[in-house]
Structures are given as C-alpha cells and as structure tokens.
Amino acid sequence: MKRNTPEFEQALDVMVRILQARAATGAEPLTYSALSAELDVQGHDVPAHRGPMSYLLEDASLRESPDGCLPMLSALVVLKSTAWPSGGFFQLARRAPFSRSGDETELWTRELVHLAKHYSAR
C-alpha cells in the first residue's frame, strides 16, 4: 500500500473514523496492534509496526488539522510494551504545522486531554 493511492486513502478514511470514535469516548489510547486489527476487520491489511502505519497516522493527524491547531489523532496510538507513543509521534508533534512544545509527558498528556474535549463536543 502506497501513499496517494485509492487503497491508502480508503485505509486512511477508516483509520480517521476509528480514531475519532476513540477520541469521542474519552481518548483512551490503543496499541498499534489493536489499531491494525481494527483496520483488518474493516478490510485493510496494515501491519502494526511496518509498512504504511506511520504514514497513515501522520496523514490522519494532518487531515484533521492541516494547520496544526487541533489535537493530533495519532496521540491515541501507543506501543504495547510501554503504553507510550513511539518516537515518530513526538517527531511529528514538534515539527510544523503542529510545533508542540513541552517535555514528552506534558505534550502527550495535553494532546489526549484536547482530543477528548474536542471530539466529545462534536
């Protein structure tokens, strides 16, 4: 699956819906494996730790907030071993358009709070 293909865009649509629903019900994080399994149930083979997963997560955050002012959907996805986002999340959070500040704990906690507020109000 490659970026900017119909298959990628369809998987991205499904991922955004999954993450929005998760955010709307309290923004409880889910593992890469759980997200991969949910995508698979809906017909999209996206391995948890390789291939297009990181690009889909980046694009999900950018689709929802192209100017970086809204919370990042990718904050919801964590590693099973640590229950913490991967380094890729923090790299994305610190670059434009998101340009988030603070230490990693503060940054991630703030994103989760903002996700719950933003999506529960929809």
C-alpha atoms as a PDB file:
ATOM      1  CA  MET A   1       0.000   0.000   0.000  1.00  0.00           C
ATOM      2  CA  LYS A   2       1.480   3.319  -1.096  1.00  0.00           C
ATOM      3  CA  ARG A   3       0.599   6.875  -0.203  1.00  0.00           C
ATOM      4  CA  ASN A   4      -1.736   8.727  -2.581  1.00  0.00           C
ATOM      5  CA  THR A   5      -3.342   5.558  -3.903  1.00  0.00           C
ATOM      6  CA  PRO A   6      -7.037   4.686  -3.594  1.00  0.00           C
ATOM      7  CA  GLU A   7      -6.156   1.799  -1.248  1.00  0.00           C
ATOM      8  CA  PHE A   8      -4.181   4.120   1.057  1.00  0.00           C
ATOM      9  CA  GLU A   9      -6.921   6.778   1.050  1.00  0.00           C
ATOM     10  CA  GLN A  10      -9.580   4.185   1.903  1.00  0.00           C
ATOM     11  CA  ALA A  11      -7.488   2.861   4.796  1.00  0.00           C
ATOM     12  CA  LEU A  12      -6.900   6.448   5.928  1.00  0.00           C
ATOM     13  CA  ASP A  13     -10.650   7.160   5.923  1.00  0.00           C
ATOM     14  CA  VAL A  14     -11.252   4.111   8.107  1.00  0.00           C
ATOM     15  CA  MET A  15      -8.360   4.967  10.441  1.00  0.00           C
ATOM     16  CA  VAL A  16      -9.638   8.515  10.933  1.00  0.00           C
ATOM     17  CA  ARG A  17     -13.110   7.182  11.811  1.00  0.00           C
ATOM     18  CA  ILE A  18     -11.639   4.665  14.286  1.00  0.00           C
ATOM     19  CA  LEU A  19      -9.503   7.302  15.994  1.00  0.00           C
ATOM     20  CA  GLN A  20     -12.280   9.910  16.047  1.00  0.00           C
ATOM     21  CA  ALA A  21     -14.624   7.408  17.716  1.00  0.00           C
ATOM     22  CA  ARG A  22     -11.929   6.572  20.258  1.00  0.00           C
ATOM     23  CA  ALA A  23     -11.324  10.256  20.982  1.00  0.00           C
ATOM     24  CA  ALA A  24     -15.056  10.927  21.368  1.00  0.00           C
ATOM     25  CA  THR A  25     -15.381   8.257  24.051  1.00  0.00           C
ATOM     26  CA  GLY A  26     -12.636   9.500  26.364  1.00  0.00           C
ATOM     27  CA  ALA A  27      -9.457   9.351  24.272  1.00  0.00           C
ATOM     28  CA  GLU A  28      -8.279   6.051  25.749  1.00  0.00           C
ATOM     29  CA  PRO A  29      -5.067   5.089  23.914  1.00  0.00           C
ATOM     30  CA  LEU A  30      -4.920   1.902  21.855  1.00  0.00           C
ATOM     31  CA  THR A  31      -1.931  -0.120  20.742  1.00  0.00           C
ATOM     32  CA  TYR A  32      -0.598  -0.309  17.226  1.00  0.00           C
ATOM     33  CA  SER A  33      -1.646  -3.981  17.232  1.00  0.00           C
ATOM     34  CA  ALA A  34      -5.221  -3.140  18.244  1.00  0.00           C
ATOM     35  CA  LEU A  35      -5.458  -0.449  15.570  1.00  0.00           C
ATOM     36  CA  SER A  36      -4.037  -2.857  12.989  1.00  0.00           C
ATOM     37  CA  ALA A  37      -6.637  -5.462  13.996  1.00  0.00           C
ATOM     38  CA  GLU A  38      -9.491  -2.930  13.744  1.00  0.00           C
ATOM     39  CA  LEU A  39      -8.306  -1.906  10.287  1.00  0.00           C
ATOM     40  CA  ASP A  40      -8.059  -5.560   9.253  1.00  0.00           C
ATOM     41  CA  VAL A  41     -11.653  -6.240  10.358  1.00  0.00           C
ATOM     42  CA  GLN A  42     -12.694  -3.436   8.020  1.00  0.00           C
ATOM     43  CA  GLY A  43     -10.735  -4.874   5.086  1.00  0.00           C
ATOM     44  CA  HIS A  44      -7.406  -3.040   5.339  1.00  0.00           C
ATOM     45  CA  ASP A  45      -4.219  -5.042   5.884  1.00  0.00           C
ATOM     46  CA  VAL A  46      -1.990  -2.570   7.724  1.00  0.00           C
ATOM     47  CA  PRO A  47       0.770  -4.263   9.754  1.00  0.00           C
ATOM     48  CA  ALA A  48       1.222  -2.776  13.221  1.00  0.00           C
ATOM     49  CA  HIS A  49       4.916  -1.935  13.008  1.00  0.00           C
ATOM     50  CA  ARG A  50       5.923  -1.680   9.377  1.00  0.00           C
ATOM     51  CA  GLY A  51       4.708  -0.528   6.040  1.00  0.00           C
ATOM     52  CA  PRO A  52       2.176   2.271   5.828  1.00  0.00           C
ATOM     53  CA  MET A  53       1.114   2.525   9.511  1.00  0.00           C
ATOM     54  CA  SER A  54       3.317   5.521  10.333  1.00  0.00           C
ATOM     55  CA  TYR A  55       2.286   7.346   7.152  1.00  0.00           C
ATOM     56  CA  LEU A  56      -1.390   6.683   7.824  1.00  0.00           C
ATOM     57  CA  LEU A  57      -1.054   8.037  11.370  1.00  0.00           C
ATOM     58  CA  GLU A  58       0.757  11.140  10.157  1.00  0.00           C
ATOM     59  CA  ASP A  59      -1.830  11.744   7.448  1.00  0.00           C
ATOM     60  CA  ALA A  60      -4.711  11.158   9.893  1.00  0.00           C
ATOM     61  CA  SER A  61      -3.377  13.934  12.123  1.00  0.00           C
ATOM     62  CA  LEU A  62      -2.749  16.239   9.172  1.00  0.00           C
ATOM     63  CA  ARG A  63      -6.151  15.570   7.597  1.00  0.00           C
ATOM     64  CA  GLU A  64      -7.941  16.541  10.800  1.00  0.00           C
ATOM     65  CA  SER A  65      -5.700  19.531  11.456  1.00  0.00           C
ATOM     66  CA  PRO A  66      -3.889  20.795   8.352  1.00  0.00           C
ATOM     67  CA  ASP A  67      -2.898  23.992  10.163  1.00  0.00           C
ATOM     68  CA  GLY A  68      -1.888  22.194  13.375  1.00  0.00           C
ATOM     69  CA  CYS A  69      -4.385  23.939  15.646  1.00  0.00           C
ATOM     70  CA  LEU A  70      -6.477  20.852  16.501  1.00  0.00           C
ATOM     71  CA  PRO A  71      -5.301  17.893  18.597  1.00  0.00           C
ATOM     72  CA  MET A  72      -3.391  15.111  16.882  1.00  0.00           C
ATOM     73  CA  LEU A  73      -5.311  11.859  16.354  1.00  0.00           C
ATOM     74  CA  SER A  74      -2.031   9.932  16.278  1.00  0.00           C
ATOM     75  CA  ALA A  75      -1.583  10.654  20.018  1.00  0.00           C
ATOM     76  CA  LEU A  76      -4.055   7.832  20.665  1.00  0.00           C
ATOM     77  CA  VAL A  77      -1.758   5.086  19.362  1.00  0.00           C
ATOM     78  CA  VAL A  78       0.822   3.564  21.702  1.00  0.00           C
ATOM     79  CA  LEU A  79       3.369   0.775  21.853  1.00  0.00           C
ATOM     80  CA  LYS A  80       2.152  -2.328  23.687  1.00  0.00           C
ATOM     81  CA  SER A  81       5.457  -2.714  25.557  1.00  0.00           C
ATOM     82  CA  THR A  82       5.454   0.786  27.064  1.00  0.00           C
ATOM     83  CA  ALA A  83       1.876   2.096  26.709  1.00  0.00           C
ATOM     84  CA  TRP A  84       3.584   5.184  25.308  1.00  0.00           C
ATOM     85  CA  PRO A  85       3.632   6.723  21.803  1.00  0.00           C
ATOM     86  CA  SER A  86       6.528   5.904  19.515  1.00  0.00           C
ATOM     87  CA  GLY A  87       9.268   8.388  18.764  1.00  0.00           C
ATOM     88  CA  GLY A  88       7.599   9.133  15.431  1.00  0.00           C
ATOM     89  CA  PHE A  89       4.645  10.724  17.227  1.00  0.00           C
ATOM     90  CA  PHE A  90       6.902  13.141  19.094  1.00  0.00           C
ATOM     91  CA  GLN A  91       8.852  13.997  15.928  1.00  0.00           C
ATOM     92  CA  LEU A  92       5.600  14.823  14.134  1.00  0.00           C
ATOM     93  CA  ALA A  93       4.315  16.801  17.119  1.00  0.00           C
ATOM     94  CA  ARG A  94       7.395  19.022  17.203  1.00  0.00           C
ATOM     95  CA  ARG A  95       7.501  19.920  13.526  1.00  0.00           C
ATOM     96  CA  ALA A  96       5.244  22.220  11.533  1.00  0.00           C
ATOM     97  CA  PRO A  97       2.332  22.568  11.359  1.00  0.00           C
ATOM     98  CA  PHE A  98       1.913  21.160  14.899  1.00  0.00           C
ATOM     99  CA  SER A  99       5.029  22.648  16.554  1.00  0.00           C
ATOM    100  CA  ARG A 100       4.089  21.352  20.016  1.00  0.00           C
ATOM    101  CA  SER A 101       6.232  22.359  22.991  1.00  0.00           C
ATOM    102  CA  GLY A 102       6.905  20.868  26.416  1.00  0.00           C
ATOM    103  CA  ASP A 103       8.509  17.661  27.551  1.00  0.00           C
ATOM    104  CA  GLU A 104       7.153  14.410  26.153  1.00  0.00           C
ATOM    105  CA  THR A 105       4.908  13.636  29.130  1.00  0.00           C
ATOM    106  CA  GLU A 106       3.377  17.102  29.125  1.00  0.00           C
ATOM    107  CA  LEU A 107       2.963  17.156  25.347  1.00  0.00           C
ATOM    108  CA  TRP A 108       1.278  13.745  25.138  1.00  0.00           C
ATOM    109  CA  THR A 109      -0.972  14.318  28.161  1.00  0.00           C
ATOM    110  CA  ARG A 110      -2.092  17.658  26.749  1.00  0.00           C
ATOM    111  CA  GLU A 111      -2.905  16.079  23.371  1.00  0.00           C
ATOM    112  CA  LEU A 112      -5.042  13.377  24.989  1.00  0.00           C
ATOM    113  CA  VAL A 113      -6.979  15.936  27.052  1.00  0.00           C
ATOM    114  CA  HIS A 114      -7.550  18.106  23.978  1.00  0.00           C
ATOM    115  CA  LEU A 115      -8.624  15.092  21.912  1.00  0.00           C
ATOM    116  CA  ALA A 116     -11.243  14.078  24.482  1.00  0.00           C
ATOM    117  CA  LYS A 117     -12.573  17.646  24.729  1.00  0.00           C
ATOM    118  CA  HIS A 118     -12.626  18.325  21.011  1.00  0.00           C
ATOM    119  CA  TYR A 119     -14.220  15.078  19.859  1.00  0.00           C
ATOM    120  CA  SER A 120     -16.705  14.666  22.714  1.00  0.00           C
ATOM    121  CA  ALA A 121     -18.074  18.126  21.876  1.00  0.00           C
ATOM    122  CA  ARG A 122     -18.855  17.144  18.264  1.00  0.00           C
END
